[in-house]
Every structure is written in structure tokens, then in C-alpha cells.
Amino acid sequence: MPPAKKKPAVEIFTPDYWEEACKHLAKKDRVMRRLIPKFGDACLESRGDAFTTLARSIVGQQISVKAAQAVWDRFAALPRSITPANVLRLKVDDMRAAGLSARKVEYLVDLALHFDSGAVHVDAWKDMSDEMIIAELVAIRGIGRWTAEMFLIFHLMRPNVLPLDDVGLINGISLSYFSGDPVSRSDAREVAVAWAPFCSVATWYIWRSLDPVPVAY
């Protein structure tokens, strides 16, 4: 009996600007100066391809991390591999049986159609601005600005994304900069002036201040 095939290891990428960003932030911002040494060698990581990353974000909407993982595992077992063309071949009943709501099935099909038809310009993203990529992504059903910004940070590793719709970021700024007082979007923008051009990195450290376990998408 031939040995079972090993699953290929997931490649994990760390952005090459990380060290420079940490030096910049520690120099410009007193809170960052305190937070950065706390979290040692941990840093932003990207894994998986663009389609899988966005599909996972749709599956995980409005359910716990644990439930999302269970549904994802069942869904990912349906096709031979997670590609737009393979997802378009799946039966709706099988996707529903994996634990997906009717709406999430529609979202995943729309995502697959956008990728399969070339409506999203994956190969051109490296030359496109953050806002142009966000505009392409929010045209897909089930993807809002927050999801697009998480994708820019975690998948494309864009260095200067400030996700003002992120509750964690706003809460973290409130605790670290305003002694827990309520914070408006303009307050957050003001704090982030010192973070540019590395708002993504500062955001990551603010998240770490609330939850030391790094999130990966």
C-alpha cells in the first residue's frame, strides 16, 4: 500500500518592510514604543491564495471562529481543490449540507464568478492603489469595505491601511491613547498621522494589545 500523500505545507510570508516599520513607529509614537517590544518576533503573516482567503472571510461572517473553521473544513472537502471553477461546479444542496446559509452560498458563487470571469484583476493588483482594489472587491456580493481592508492587510500586505470600521482598532486606540474614553473616527485618524506610512503595522500592534494571539487570514 503506497504511503499517504502529505499535504503541501502552507507557505507563510512576512512583509519585508516590517523591521523598518517598527523602527519608524517606535520613533514617532510613544504607545508603539511600548507595544512593539512586548510582542517579540511575532509579525503579520499571509497564507493561501486570494480566492481562498476571500472565500474563508465569507464563510466566517457572523459566526464564531470555531464554527467558521468547522464549516470551512466541510466546505473545503467538497471540491478536489478550492478554485473558482471547482466551486462553480458544486451543487447548492451539498454546499448547504456543509453548513452554509443560502446567502453565503450565493456570496461564494458570486465570488467564484468574479474570479473565473476575470472581473477582478488579480495580476494587476500589484500596480493598483489600495482604493482601486477595494472598489473591485466591494463589487462582489458579501464583501464590504472592512473585509476588503483585512484582505489588503493580511493577504496583499499593504503597509498603510487604516481600517476605521474595525471595532478592535477603535477600542484599542481608546484604551491606549484616550484612557478608555470614547473615540471618534476623526480621533483615530489624528492618532494615525504619526503611524503613516505604516498604518497596517500600527493597527496590528493595537490588535495585539487587546489579544496577544496574532490573527492570520
N, C-alpha and C. Protein backbone atom coordinates (compact mmCIF):
# COMPACT_ATOMS: atom_id res chain seq x y z
N MET A 1 0.85 -1.21 0.00
CA MET A 1 0.00 0.00 0.00
C MET A 1 0.89 1.25 0.00
N PRO A 2 0.70 2.16 -1.00
CA PRO A 2 1.58 3.34 -1.08
C PRO A 2 1.34 4.26 0.12
N PRO A 3 2.41 4.95 0.58
CA PRO A 3 2.24 5.85 1.73
C PRO A 3 1.29 6.99 1.39
N ALA A 4 0.54 7.44 2.39
CA ALA A 4 -0.41 8.54 2.17
C ALA A 4 0.36 9.79 1.76
N LYS A 5 -0.21 10.50 0.80
CA LYS A 5 0.45 11.73 0.33
C LYS A 5 0.37 12.80 1.41
N LYS A 6 1.47 13.45 1.64
CA LYS A 6 1.47 14.55 2.61
C LYS A 6 0.85 15.77 1.98
N LYS A 7 0.07 16.49 2.77
CA LYS A 7 -0.47 17.76 2.27
C LYS A 7 0.69 18.75 2.14
N PRO A 8 0.71 19.56 1.06
CA PRO A 8 1.79 20.53 0.95
C PRO A 8 1.73 21.53 2.10
N ALA A 9 2.89 21.88 2.60
CA ALA A 9 2.94 22.85 3.70
C ALA A 9 2.42 24.20 3.22
N VAL A 10 1.72 24.89 4.10
CA VAL A 10 1.22 26.23 3.76
C VAL A 10 2.39 27.20 3.81
N GLU A 11 2.58 27.91 2.73
CA GLU A 11 3.66 28.92 2.74
C GLU A 11 3.19 30.13 3.52
N ILE A 12 4.06 30.63 4.38
CA ILE A 12 3.73 31.81 5.17
C ILE A 12 4.71 32.92 4.82
N PHE A 13 4.18 34.09 4.54
CA PHE A 13 5.01 35.21 4.11
C PHE A 13 4.96 36.33 5.15
N THR A 14 6.09 36.94 5.38
CA THR A 14 6.17 38.10 6.27
C THR A 14 6.65 39.28 5.43
N PRO A 15 6.04 40.45 5.58
CA PRO A 15 6.44 41.58 4.71
C PRO A 15 7.86 42.06 4.99
N ASP A 16 8.55 42.43 3.92
CA ASP A 16 9.96 42.84 4.06
C ASP A 16 10.11 44.22 4.70
N TYR A 17 9.00 44.96 4.82
CA TYR A 17 9.09 46.31 5.41
C TYR A 17 8.93 46.29 6.94
N TRP A 18 8.71 45.11 7.55
CA TRP A 18 8.31 45.04 8.95
C TRP A 18 9.32 45.71 9.89
N GLU A 19 10.59 45.37 9.72
CA GLU A 19 11.60 45.91 10.62
C GLU A 19 11.69 47.44 10.52
N GLU A 20 11.68 47.93 9.28
CA GLU A 20 11.73 49.38 9.05
C GLU A 20 10.52 50.06 9.68
N ALA A 21 9.34 49.41 9.52
CA ALA A 21 8.10 49.97 10.07
C ALA A 21 8.18 50.06 11.60
N CYS A 22 8.69 49.02 12.23
CA CYS A 22 8.78 49.01 13.70
C CYS A 22 9.69 50.13 14.20
N LYS A 23 10.80 50.33 13.51
CA LYS A 23 11.74 51.41 13.90
C LYS A 23 11.05 52.77 13.76
N HIS A 24 10.37 52.96 12.64
CA HIS A 24 9.66 54.22 12.37
C HIS A 24 8.61 54.50 13.44
N LEU A 25 7.80 53.48 13.75
CA LEU A 25 6.69 53.65 14.70
C LEU A 25 7.21 53.89 16.12
N ALA A 26 8.26 53.17 16.51
CA ALA A 26 8.82 53.35 17.86
C ALA A 26 9.40 54.75 18.03
N LYS A 27 9.90 55.30 16.93
CA LYS A 27 10.48 56.65 16.98
C LYS A 27 9.39 57.72 17.03
N LYS A 28 8.28 57.49 16.31
CA LYS A 28 7.26 58.53 16.15
C LYS A 28 6.14 58.50 17.19
N ASP A 29 5.97 57.35 17.90
CA ASP A 29 4.75 57.18 18.69
C ASP A 29 5.07 56.49 20.02
N ARG A 30 4.70 57.15 21.11
CA ARG A 30 5.07 56.65 22.45
C ARG A 30 4.39 55.30 22.76
N VAL A 31 3.14 55.13 22.30
CA VAL A 31 2.43 53.87 22.57
C VAL A 31 3.10 52.72 21.81
N MET A 32 3.44 52.98 20.54
CA MET A 32 4.12 51.95 19.75
C MET A 32 5.48 51.59 20.35
N ARG A 33 6.15 52.59 20.92
CA ARG A 33 7.45 52.36 21.54
C ARG A 33 7.31 51.34 22.69
N ARG A 34 6.14 51.38 23.35
CA ARG A 34 5.89 50.46 24.46
C ARG A 34 5.40 49.09 23.97
N LEU A 35 4.54 49.10 22.93
CA LEU A 35 3.91 47.85 22.48
C LEU A 35 4.85 46.95 21.69
N ILE A 36 5.64 47.53 20.79
CA ILE A 36 6.43 46.72 19.86
C ILE A 36 7.36 45.73 20.58
N PRO A 37 8.11 46.15 21.61
CA PRO A 37 8.99 45.17 22.26
C PRO A 37 8.23 44.06 22.99
N LYS A 38 6.96 44.31 23.31
CA LYS A 38 6.16 43.32 24.05
C LYS A 38 5.91 42.04 23.26
N PHE A 39 5.87 42.18 21.94
CA PHE A 39 5.41 41.04 21.13
C PHE A 39 6.53 40.40 20.31
N GLY A 40 7.76 40.63 20.75
CA GLY A 40 8.92 39.90 20.24
C GLY A 40 8.98 39.79 18.74
N ASP A 41 9.12 38.54 18.29
CA ASP A 41 9.35 38.30 16.85
C ASP A 41 8.06 38.14 16.07
N ALA A 42 6.91 38.16 16.76
CA ALA A 42 5.64 37.96 16.04
C ALA A 42 5.41 39.09 15.05
N CYS A 43 4.90 38.75 13.88
CA CYS A 43 4.53 39.81 12.93
C CYS A 43 3.47 39.31 11.96
N LEU A 44 3.01 40.21 11.13
CA LEU A 44 1.95 39.93 10.17
C LEU A 44 2.35 38.77 9.26
N GLU A 45 1.38 37.86 9.01
CA GLU A 45 1.66 36.72 8.13
C GLU A 45 0.54 36.59 7.11
N SER A 46 0.90 36.17 5.91
CA SER A 46 -0.09 35.94 4.85
C SER A 46 0.01 34.48 4.42
N ARG A 47 -1.13 33.86 4.18
CA ARG A 47 -1.09 32.47 3.72
C ARG A 47 -2.24 32.24 2.74
N GLY A 48 -2.11 31.22 1.91
CA GLY A 48 -3.20 30.90 0.99
C GLY A 48 -3.26 31.85 -0.20
N ASP A 49 -4.12 31.55 -1.16
CA ASP A 49 -4.23 32.43 -2.34
C ASP A 49 -5.41 33.39 -2.15
N ALA A 50 -5.53 34.31 -3.08
CA ALA A 50 -6.53 35.38 -2.95
C ALA A 50 -7.96 34.83 -2.88
N PHE A 51 -8.29 33.90 -3.76
CA PHE A 51 -9.66 33.36 -3.80
C PHE A 51 -10.00 32.65 -2.50
N THR A 52 -9.09 31.78 -2.02
CA THR A 52 -9.33 31.03 -0.78
C THR A 52 -9.48 31.98 0.40
N THR A 53 -8.62 33.00 0.46
CA THR A 53 -8.66 33.96 1.57
C THR A 53 -10.01 34.66 1.63
N LEU A 54 -10.51 35.10 0.48
CA LEU A 54 -11.81 35.79 0.45
C LEU A 54 -12.97 34.82 0.72
N ALA A 55 -12.85 33.60 0.21
CA ALA A 55 -13.89 32.59 0.46
C ALA A 55 -13.99 32.31 1.97
N ARG A 56 -12.84 32.20 2.62
CA ARG A 56 -12.83 31.95 4.08
C ARG A 56 -13.47 33.11 4.83
N SER A 57 -13.22 34.33 4.35
CA SER A 57 -13.79 35.50 5.05
C SER A 57 -15.32 35.50 4.92
N ILE A 58 -15.84 35.04 3.80
CA ILE A 58 -17.30 34.95 3.62
C ILE A 58 -17.88 33.85 4.53
N VAL A 59 -17.24 32.70 4.54
CA VAL A 59 -17.71 31.58 5.37
C VAL A 59 -17.75 31.98 6.84
N GLY A 60 -16.77 32.79 7.27
CA GLY A 60 -16.65 33.15 8.69
C GLY A 60 -17.51 34.30 9.16
N GLN A 61 -18.27 34.91 8.25
CA GLN A 61 -19.07 36.08 8.64
C GLN A 61 -20.14 35.71 9.69
N GLN A 62 -20.19 36.50 10.75
CA GLN A 62 -21.25 36.44 11.77
C GLN A 62 -21.36 35.11 12.51
N ILE A 63 -20.25 34.31 12.50
CA ILE A 63 -20.23 33.11 13.33
C ILE A 63 -18.90 33.06 14.06
N SER A 64 -18.81 32.23 15.09
CA SER A 64 -17.58 32.18 15.88
C SER A 64 -16.44 31.58 15.06
N VAL A 65 -15.22 31.84 15.50
CA VAL A 65 -14.04 31.32 14.81
C VAL A 65 -14.10 29.79 14.74
N LYS A 66 -14.51 29.16 15.85
CA LYS A 66 -14.59 27.69 15.91
C LYS A 66 -15.62 27.15 14.91
N ALA A 67 -16.80 27.77 14.90
CA ALA A 67 -17.86 27.34 13.97
C ALA A 67 -17.42 27.55 12.52
N ALA A 68 -16.76 28.69 12.27
CA ALA A 68 -16.29 29.01 10.91
C ALA A 68 -15.31 27.95 10.43
N GLN A 69 -14.40 27.52 11.32
CA GLN A 69 -13.42 26.50 10.93
C GLN A 69 -14.10 25.18 10.59
N ALA A 70 -15.10 24.81 11.38
CA ALA A 70 -15.82 23.55 11.14
C ALA A 70 -16.56 23.58 9.79
N VAL A 71 -17.23 24.71 9.51
CA VAL A 71 -17.96 24.84 8.24
C VAL A 71 -16.96 24.86 7.07
N TRP A 72 -15.87 25.61 7.26
CA TRP A 72 -14.85 25.69 6.20
C TRP A 72 -14.29 24.30 5.89
N ASP A 73 -13.98 23.52 6.92
CA ASP A 73 -13.41 22.17 6.70
C ASP A 73 -14.37 21.30 5.89
N ARG A 74 -15.66 21.39 6.20
CA ARG A 74 -16.65 20.59 5.44
C ARG A 74 -16.78 21.10 4.01
N PHE A 75 -16.82 22.43 3.86
CA PHE A 75 -16.94 23.01 2.52
C PHE A 75 -15.71 22.69 1.67
N ALA A 76 -14.52 22.85 2.26
CA ALA A 76 -13.26 22.64 1.51
C ALA A 76 -13.09 21.19 1.07
N ALA A 77 -13.79 20.27 1.73
CA ALA A 77 -13.69 18.85 1.37
C ALA A 77 -14.55 18.51 0.15
N LEU A 78 -15.43 19.43 -0.28
CA LEU A 78 -16.34 19.13 -1.40
C LEU A 78 -15.63 19.10 -2.75
N PRO A 79 -14.87 20.15 -3.14
CA PRO A 79 -14.16 20.07 -4.41
C PRO A 79 -12.79 19.43 -4.21
N ARG A 80 -12.16 19.00 -5.33
CA ARG A 80 -10.80 18.43 -5.22
C ARG A 80 -9.83 19.49 -4.72
N SER A 81 -10.02 20.72 -5.18
CA SER A 81 -9.23 21.83 -4.66
C SER A 81 -10.09 23.08 -4.74
N ILE A 82 -9.77 24.07 -3.90
CA ILE A 82 -10.59 25.30 -3.86
C ILE A 82 -10.13 26.23 -4.98
N THR A 83 -10.83 26.16 -6.09
CA THR A 83 -10.59 27.09 -7.20
C THR A 83 -11.94 27.65 -7.61
N PRO A 84 -11.96 28.83 -8.27
CA PRO A 84 -13.25 29.38 -8.70
C PRO A 84 -14.04 28.40 -9.58
N ALA A 85 -13.38 27.76 -10.55
CA ALA A 85 -14.08 26.85 -11.45
C ALA A 85 -14.67 25.66 -10.70
N ASN A 86 -13.91 25.12 -9.74
CA ASN A 86 -14.41 23.97 -8.97
C ASN A 86 -15.60 24.35 -8.09
N VAL A 87 -15.56 25.54 -7.50
CA VAL A 87 -16.67 25.99 -6.65
C VAL A 87 -17.93 26.16 -7.50
N LEU A 88 -17.77 26.65 -8.72
CA LEU A 88 -18.93 26.84 -9.61
C LEU A 88 -19.57 25.51 -10.01
N ARG A 89 -18.82 24.42 -9.91
CA ARG A 89 -19.37 23.10 -10.27
C ARG A 89 -20.11 22.43 -9.10
N LEU A 90 -19.97 22.98 -7.89
CA LEU A 90 -20.58 22.34 -6.72
C LEU A 90 -22.11 22.47 -6.75
N LYS A 91 -22.78 21.48 -6.18
CA LYS A 91 -24.24 21.53 -6.06
C LYS A 91 -24.61 22.39 -4.84
N VAL A 92 -25.63 23.19 -5.00
CA VAL A 92 -26.10 24.06 -3.90
C VAL A 92 -26.45 23.21 -2.68
N ASP A 93 -27.12 22.07 -2.89
CA ASP A 93 -27.53 21.21 -1.77
C ASP A 93 -26.32 20.73 -0.97
N ASP A 94 -25.24 20.39 -1.67
CA ASP A 94 -24.03 19.93 -0.98
C ASP A 94 -23.40 21.06 -0.17
N MET A 95 -23.43 22.28 -0.72
CA MET A 95 -22.87 23.42 0.00
C MET A 95 -23.71 23.74 1.23
N ARG A 96 -25.04 23.63 1.09
CA ARG A 96 -25.93 23.86 2.24
C ARG A 96 -25.70 22.79 3.30
N ALA A 97 -25.49 21.53 2.86
CA ALA A 97 -25.26 20.42 3.80
C ALA A 97 -23.95 20.60 4.58
N ALA A 98 -23.02 21.37 4.01
CA ALA A 98 -21.75 21.64 4.71
C ALA A 98 -21.93 22.67 5.83
N GLY A 99 -23.12 23.27 5.87
CA GLY A 99 -23.41 24.22 6.96
C GLY A 99 -23.47 25.66 6.51
N LEU A 100 -23.48 25.89 5.19
CA LEU A 100 -23.53 27.26 4.67
C LEU A 100 -24.98 27.71 4.52
N SER A 101 -25.25 28.96 4.90
CA SER A 101 -26.59 29.51 4.70
C SER A 101 -26.81 29.74 3.20
N ALA A 102 -28.08 29.90 2.81
CA ALA A 102 -28.39 30.16 1.40
C ALA A 102 -27.68 31.42 0.91
N ARG A 103 -27.63 32.44 1.79
CA ARG A 103 -26.99 33.70 1.40
C ARG A 103 -25.49 33.51 1.18
N LYS A 104 -24.83 32.75 2.08
CA LYS A 104 -23.38 32.53 1.92
C LYS A 104 -23.07 31.71 0.67
N VAL A 105 -23.97 30.78 0.33
CA VAL A 105 -23.79 30.04 -0.93
C VAL A 105 -23.82 31.02 -2.11
N GLU A 106 -24.80 31.93 -2.09
CA GLU A 106 -24.88 32.96 -3.16
C GLU A 106 -23.61 33.80 -3.21
N TYR A 107 -23.10 34.20 -2.05
CA TYR A 107 -21.89 35.02 -1.99
C TYR A 107 -20.69 34.27 -2.57
N LEU A 108 -20.55 32.99 -2.20
CA LEU A 108 -19.40 32.20 -2.68
C LEU A 108 -19.48 32.00 -4.19
N VAL A 109 -20.69 31.79 -4.70
CA VAL A 109 -20.86 31.64 -6.15
C VAL A 109 -20.51 32.95 -6.86
N ASP A 110 -20.96 34.07 -6.29
CA ASP A 110 -20.65 35.38 -6.90
C ASP A 110 -19.14 35.64 -6.88
N LEU A 111 -18.49 35.27 -5.77
CA LEU A 111 -17.03 35.41 -5.66
C LEU A 111 -16.35 34.58 -6.75
N ALA A 112 -16.78 33.34 -6.88
CA ALA A 112 -16.19 32.44 -7.89
C ALA A 112 -16.40 32.99 -9.30
N LEU A 113 -17.60 33.53 -9.56
CA LEU A 113 -17.88 34.11 -10.90
C LEU A 113 -16.96 35.29 -11.19
N HIS A 114 -16.77 36.17 -10.19
CA HIS A 114 -15.89 37.33 -10.38
C HIS A 114 -14.46 36.91 -10.71
N PHE A 115 -13.98 35.88 -10.01
CA PHE A 115 -12.61 35.41 -10.27
C PHE A 115 -12.53 34.66 -11.60
N ASP A 116 -13.52 33.80 -11.85
CA ASP A 116 -13.48 32.96 -13.06
C ASP A 116 -13.60 33.79 -14.34
N SER A 117 -14.37 34.88 -14.26
CA SER A 117 -14.61 35.70 -15.45
C SER A 117 -13.53 36.76 -15.67
N GLY A 118 -12.64 36.91 -14.68
CA GLY A 118 -11.60 37.95 -14.80
C GLY A 118 -12.09 39.34 -14.42
N ALA A 119 -13.25 39.41 -13.73
CA ALA A 119 -13.78 40.72 -13.32
C ALA A 119 -12.90 41.35 -12.24
N VAL A 120 -12.18 40.51 -11.49
CA VAL A 120 -11.17 41.06 -10.57
C VAL A 120 -9.80 40.84 -11.22
N HIS A 121 -9.00 41.89 -11.19
CA HIS A 121 -7.73 41.89 -11.94
C HIS A 121 -6.56 41.52 -11.03
N VAL A 122 -6.56 40.24 -10.60
CA VAL A 122 -5.57 39.78 -9.62
C VAL A 122 -4.15 40.11 -10.04
N ASP A 123 -3.84 39.88 -11.32
CA ASP A 123 -2.46 40.10 -11.79
C ASP A 123 -2.08 41.57 -11.82
N ALA A 124 -3.07 42.45 -11.85
CA ALA A 124 -2.78 43.90 -11.92
C ALA A 124 -2.74 44.55 -10.53
N TRP A 125 -3.14 43.80 -9.50
CA TRP A 125 -3.26 44.40 -8.17
C TRP A 125 -1.96 45.05 -7.70
N LYS A 126 -0.84 44.43 -8.05
CA LYS A 126 0.44 44.98 -7.55
C LYS A 126 0.68 46.41 -8.02
N ASP A 127 0.05 46.79 -9.13
CA ASP A 127 0.23 48.15 -9.66
C ASP A 127 -0.96 49.07 -9.34
N MET A 128 -1.95 48.54 -8.60
CA MET A 128 -3.16 49.32 -8.31
C MET A 128 -3.11 49.89 -6.90
N SER A 129 -3.77 51.03 -6.71
CA SER A 129 -3.83 51.65 -5.38
C SER A 129 -4.75 50.84 -4.47
N ASP A 130 -4.61 51.06 -3.17
CA ASP A 130 -5.49 50.38 -2.20
C ASP A 130 -6.96 50.64 -2.52
N GLU A 131 -7.31 51.90 -2.80
CA GLU A 131 -8.72 52.24 -3.04
C GLU A 131 -9.26 51.59 -4.32
N MET A 132 -8.42 51.45 -5.33
CA MET A 132 -8.87 50.78 -6.57
C MET A 132 -9.17 49.31 -6.32
N ILE A 133 -8.33 48.66 -5.50
CA ILE A 133 -8.55 47.25 -5.18
C ILE A 133 -9.80 47.10 -4.32
N ILE A 134 -9.98 48.00 -3.35
CA ILE A 134 -11.19 47.96 -2.51
C ILE A 134 -12.44 48.08 -3.39
N ALA A 135 -12.40 48.98 -4.36
CA ALA A 135 -13.56 49.17 -5.27
C ALA A 135 -13.89 47.89 -6.03
N GLU A 136 -12.85 47.16 -6.47
CA GLU A 136 -13.10 45.88 -7.17
C GLU A 136 -13.71 44.86 -6.23
N LEU A 137 -13.20 44.80 -5.01
CA LEU A 137 -13.65 43.76 -4.08
C LEU A 137 -15.05 44.00 -3.56
N VAL A 138 -15.40 45.27 -3.27
CA VAL A 138 -16.74 45.52 -2.71
C VAL A 138 -17.84 45.37 -3.76
N ALA A 139 -17.45 45.21 -5.02
CA ALA A 139 -18.44 44.93 -6.08
C ALA A 139 -18.91 43.47 -6.01
N ILE A 140 -18.19 42.65 -5.23
CA ILE A 140 -18.57 41.24 -5.04
C ILE A 140 -19.56 41.16 -3.88
N ARG A 141 -20.64 40.42 -4.07
CA ARG A 141 -21.65 40.29 -3.01
C ARG A 141 -21.03 39.66 -1.77
N GLY A 142 -21.35 40.22 -0.61
CA GLY A 142 -20.85 39.64 0.63
C GLY A 142 -19.51 40.19 1.07
N ILE A 143 -18.92 41.07 0.26
CA ILE A 143 -17.64 41.67 0.66
C ILE A 143 -17.84 43.17 0.84
N GLY A 144 -17.67 43.63 2.06
CA GLY A 144 -17.79 45.06 2.36
C GLY A 144 -16.40 45.67 2.51
N ARG A 145 -16.37 46.92 2.86
CA ARG A 145 -15.09 47.63 2.96
C ARG A 145 -14.18 47.00 4.02
N TRP A 146 -14.74 46.61 5.17
CA TRP A 146 -13.91 46.03 6.23
C TRP A 146 -13.19 44.76 5.74
N THR A 147 -13.94 43.88 5.08
CA THR A 147 -13.34 42.64 4.56
C THR A 147 -12.25 42.97 3.54
N ALA A 148 -12.53 43.95 2.67
CA ALA A 148 -11.54 44.35 1.66
C ALA A 148 -10.27 44.89 2.33
N GLU A 149 -10.45 45.66 3.41
CA GLU A 149 -9.28 46.20 4.11
C GLU A 149 -8.49 45.10 4.81
N MET A 150 -9.20 44.13 5.40
CA MET A 150 -8.49 42.99 6.02
C MET A 150 -7.69 42.23 4.96
N PHE A 151 -8.27 42.12 3.77
CA PHE A 151 -7.59 41.44 2.66
C PHE A 151 -6.32 42.22 2.26
N LEU A 152 -6.44 43.54 2.20
CA LEU A 152 -5.27 44.36 1.87
C LEU A 152 -4.16 44.18 2.90
N ILE A 153 -4.55 44.11 4.18
CA ILE A 153 -3.55 43.98 5.25
C ILE A 153 -2.95 42.58 5.27
N PHE A 154 -3.82 41.56 5.32
CA PHE A 154 -3.35 40.21 5.59
C PHE A 154 -2.91 39.44 4.35
N HIS A 155 -3.52 39.73 3.20
CA HIS A 155 -3.14 38.98 2.00
C HIS A 155 -2.16 39.74 1.12
N LEU A 156 -2.54 40.97 0.77
CA LEU A 156 -1.65 41.76 -0.09
C LEU A 156 -0.55 42.45 0.70
N MET A 157 -0.69 42.46 2.02
CA MET A 157 0.31 43.04 2.92
C MET A 157 0.63 44.50 2.58
N ARG A 158 -0.43 45.25 2.27
CA ARG A 158 -0.24 46.68 2.02
C ARG A 158 0.13 47.35 3.34
N PRO A 159 1.14 48.22 3.36
CA PRO A 159 1.67 48.72 4.64
C PRO A 159 0.87 49.83 5.30
N ASN A 160 -0.01 50.51 4.55
CA ASN A 160 -0.57 51.75 5.10
C ASN A 160 -2.10 51.76 5.10
N VAL A 161 -2.72 50.65 5.55
CA VAL A 161 -4.18 50.55 5.60
C VAL A 161 -4.64 50.91 7.02
N LEU A 162 -5.64 51.78 7.11
CA LEU A 162 -6.21 52.18 8.40
C LEU A 162 -7.70 51.80 8.41
N PRO A 163 -8.05 50.63 8.99
CA PRO A 163 -9.44 50.16 8.91
C PRO A 163 -10.33 50.79 9.98
N LEU A 164 -10.86 51.96 9.69
CA LEU A 164 -11.61 52.73 10.69
C LEU A 164 -12.94 52.07 11.08
N ASP A 165 -13.39 51.07 10.30
CA ASP A 165 -14.62 50.35 10.66
C ASP A 165 -14.33 49.19 11.61
N ASP A 166 -13.05 48.99 11.95
CA ASP A 166 -12.69 47.86 12.79
C ASP A 166 -12.87 48.21 14.27
N VAL A 167 -13.74 47.45 14.94
CA VAL A 167 -14.07 47.73 16.35
C VAL A 167 -12.82 47.59 17.23
N GLY A 168 -12.02 46.57 16.95
CA GLY A 168 -10.81 46.34 17.73
C GLY A 168 -9.85 47.51 17.66
N LEU A 169 -9.68 48.05 16.46
CA LEU A 169 -8.77 49.19 16.30
C LEU A 169 -9.27 50.39 17.12
N ILE A 170 -10.56 50.69 17.00
CA ILE A 170 -11.13 51.85 17.71
C ILE A 170 -11.04 51.63 19.23
N ASN A 171 -11.36 50.41 19.69
CA ASN A 171 -11.27 50.11 21.13
C ASN A 171 -9.83 50.21 21.63
N GLY A 172 -8.91 49.69 20.82
CA GLY A 172 -7.50 49.72 21.21
C GLY A 172 -6.95 51.13 21.28
N ILE A 173 -7.35 51.97 20.33
CA ILE A 173 -6.93 53.38 20.36
C ILE A 173 -7.51 54.06 21.59
N SER A 174 -8.78 53.76 21.90
CA SER A 174 -9.43 54.34 23.08
C SER A 174 -8.65 53.99 24.35
N LEU A 175 -8.28 52.73 24.50
CA LEU A 175 -7.58 52.28 25.71
C LEU A 175 -6.15 52.81 25.79
N SER A 176 -5.44 52.76 24.65
CA SER A 176 -4.01 53.11 24.67
C SER A 176 -3.73 54.61 24.60
N TYR A 177 -4.65 55.38 24.01
CA TYR A 177 -4.38 56.80 23.79
C TYR A 177 -5.33 57.74 24.53
N PHE A 178 -6.52 57.24 24.91
CA PHE A 178 -7.54 58.12 25.48
C PHE A 178 -8.06 57.61 26.82
N SER A 179 -7.26 56.80 27.51
CA SER A 179 -7.64 56.28 28.85
C SER A 179 -9.02 55.63 28.87
N GLY A 180 -9.42 55.02 27.75
CA GLY A 180 -10.70 54.33 27.71
C GLY A 180 -11.88 55.19 27.31
N ASP A 181 -11.66 56.51 27.11
CA ASP A 181 -12.77 57.38 26.68
C ASP A 181 -13.20 57.04 25.25
N PRO A 182 -14.47 57.32 24.90
CA PRO A 182 -14.93 57.04 23.54
C PRO A 182 -14.08 57.76 22.48
N VAL A 183 -13.91 57.10 21.35
CA VAL A 183 -13.04 57.63 20.29
C VAL A 183 -13.83 57.73 18.98
N SER A 184 -13.76 58.88 18.32
CA SER A 184 -14.43 59.04 17.02
C SER A 184 -13.45 58.63 15.91
N ARG A 185 -13.99 58.52 14.70
CA ARG A 185 -13.14 58.19 13.56
C ARG A 185 -12.09 59.29 13.35
N SER A 186 -12.48 60.54 13.58
CA SER A 186 -11.50 61.62 13.36
C SER A 186 -10.41 61.59 14.43
N ASP A 187 -10.75 61.18 15.67
CA ASP A 187 -9.73 60.99 16.71
C ASP A 187 -8.73 59.92 16.25
N ALA A 188 -9.28 58.82 15.73
CA ALA A 188 -8.42 57.71 15.29
C ALA A 188 -7.52 58.15 14.14
N ARG A 189 -8.10 58.91 13.21
CA ARG A 189 -7.30 59.43 12.08
C ARG A 189 -6.16 60.31 12.58
N GLU A 190 -6.45 61.11 13.59
CA GLU A 190 -5.44 62.02 14.15
C GLU A 190 -4.28 61.25 14.77
N VAL A 191 -4.61 60.21 15.53
CA VAL A 191 -3.58 59.35 16.13
C VAL A 191 -2.73 58.73 15.02
N ALA A 192 -3.40 58.30 13.94
CA ALA A 192 -2.71 57.56 12.88
C ALA A 192 -1.81 58.44 12.01
N VAL A 193 -1.88 59.76 12.16
CA VAL A 193 -0.99 60.64 11.38
C VAL A 193 0.47 60.26 11.66
N ALA A 194 0.78 59.95 12.93
CA ALA A 194 2.16 59.58 13.29
C ALA A 194 2.53 58.19 12.77
N TRP A 195 1.52 57.37 12.46
CA TRP A 195 1.80 56.00 12.00
C TRP A 195 2.20 55.92 10.54
N ALA A 196 1.70 56.84 9.72
CA ALA A 196 1.95 56.77 8.27
C ALA A 196 3.46 56.78 8.01
N PRO A 197 3.94 56.04 7.01
CA PRO A 197 3.20 55.23 6.03
C PRO A 197 3.08 53.76 6.44
N PHE A 198 2.93 53.48 7.74
CA PHE A 198 2.86 52.09 8.21
C PHE A 198 1.65 51.86 9.11
N CYS A 199 0.48 52.36 8.67
CA CYS A 199 -0.74 52.22 9.49
C CYS A 199 -1.13 50.75 9.69
N SER A 200 -0.88 49.89 8.70
CA SER A 200 -1.21 48.47 8.84
C SER A 200 -0.45 47.85 10.00
N VAL A 201 0.82 48.21 10.13
CA VAL A 201 1.67 47.64 11.17
C VAL A 201 1.22 48.14 12.55
N ALA A 202 0.96 49.44 12.64
CA ALA A 202 0.47 50.01 13.91
C ALA A 202 -0.86 49.37 14.30
N THR A 203 -1.75 49.18 13.33
CA THR A 203 -3.05 48.54 13.59
C THR A 203 -2.83 47.14 14.15
N TRP A 204 -1.90 46.42 13.56
CA TRP A 204 -1.58 45.06 14.01
C TRP A 204 -1.15 45.07 15.48
N TYR A 205 -0.31 46.03 15.86
CA TYR A 205 0.13 46.12 17.26
C TYR A 205 -1.00 46.56 18.20
N ILE A 206 -1.89 47.39 17.71
CA ILE A 206 -3.07 47.75 18.52
C ILE A 206 -3.92 46.50 18.78
N TRP A 207 -4.12 45.68 17.74
CA TRP A 207 -4.85 44.42 17.93
C TRP A 207 -4.16 43.53 18.96
N ARG A 208 -2.83 43.46 18.86
CA ARG A 208 -2.06 42.63 19.81
C ARG A 208 -2.24 43.13 21.25
N SER A 209 -2.40 44.45 21.41
CA SER A 209 -2.57 44.98 22.76
C SER A 209 -3.86 44.50 23.40
N LEU A 210 -4.86 44.14 22.55
CA LEU A 210 -6.14 43.62 23.05
C LEU A 210 -6.14 42.11 23.15
N ASP A 211 -5.45 41.46 22.20
CA ASP A 211 -5.39 39.99 22.17
C ASP A 211 -4.00 39.59 21.69
N PRO A 212 -3.19 39.04 22.59
CA PRO A 212 -1.80 38.75 22.23
C PRO A 212 -1.65 37.69 21.12
N VAL A 213 -2.73 36.91 20.86
CA VAL A 213 -2.62 35.87 19.82
C VAL A 213 -2.84 36.50 18.45
N PRO A 214 -1.84 36.40 17.55
CA PRO A 214 -1.99 37.01 16.22
C PRO A 214 -3.08 36.32 15.40
N VAL A 215 -3.78 37.09 14.61
CA VAL A 215 -4.80 36.57 13.69
C VAL A 215 -4.14 36.40 12.34
N ALA A 216 -4.46 35.31 11.64
CA ALA A 216 -3.98 35.13 10.27
C ALA A 216 -5.19 34.84 9.38
N TYR A 217 -5.21 35.40 8.18
CA TYR A 217 -6.35 35.18 7.27
C TYR A 217 -5.92 34.28 6.12
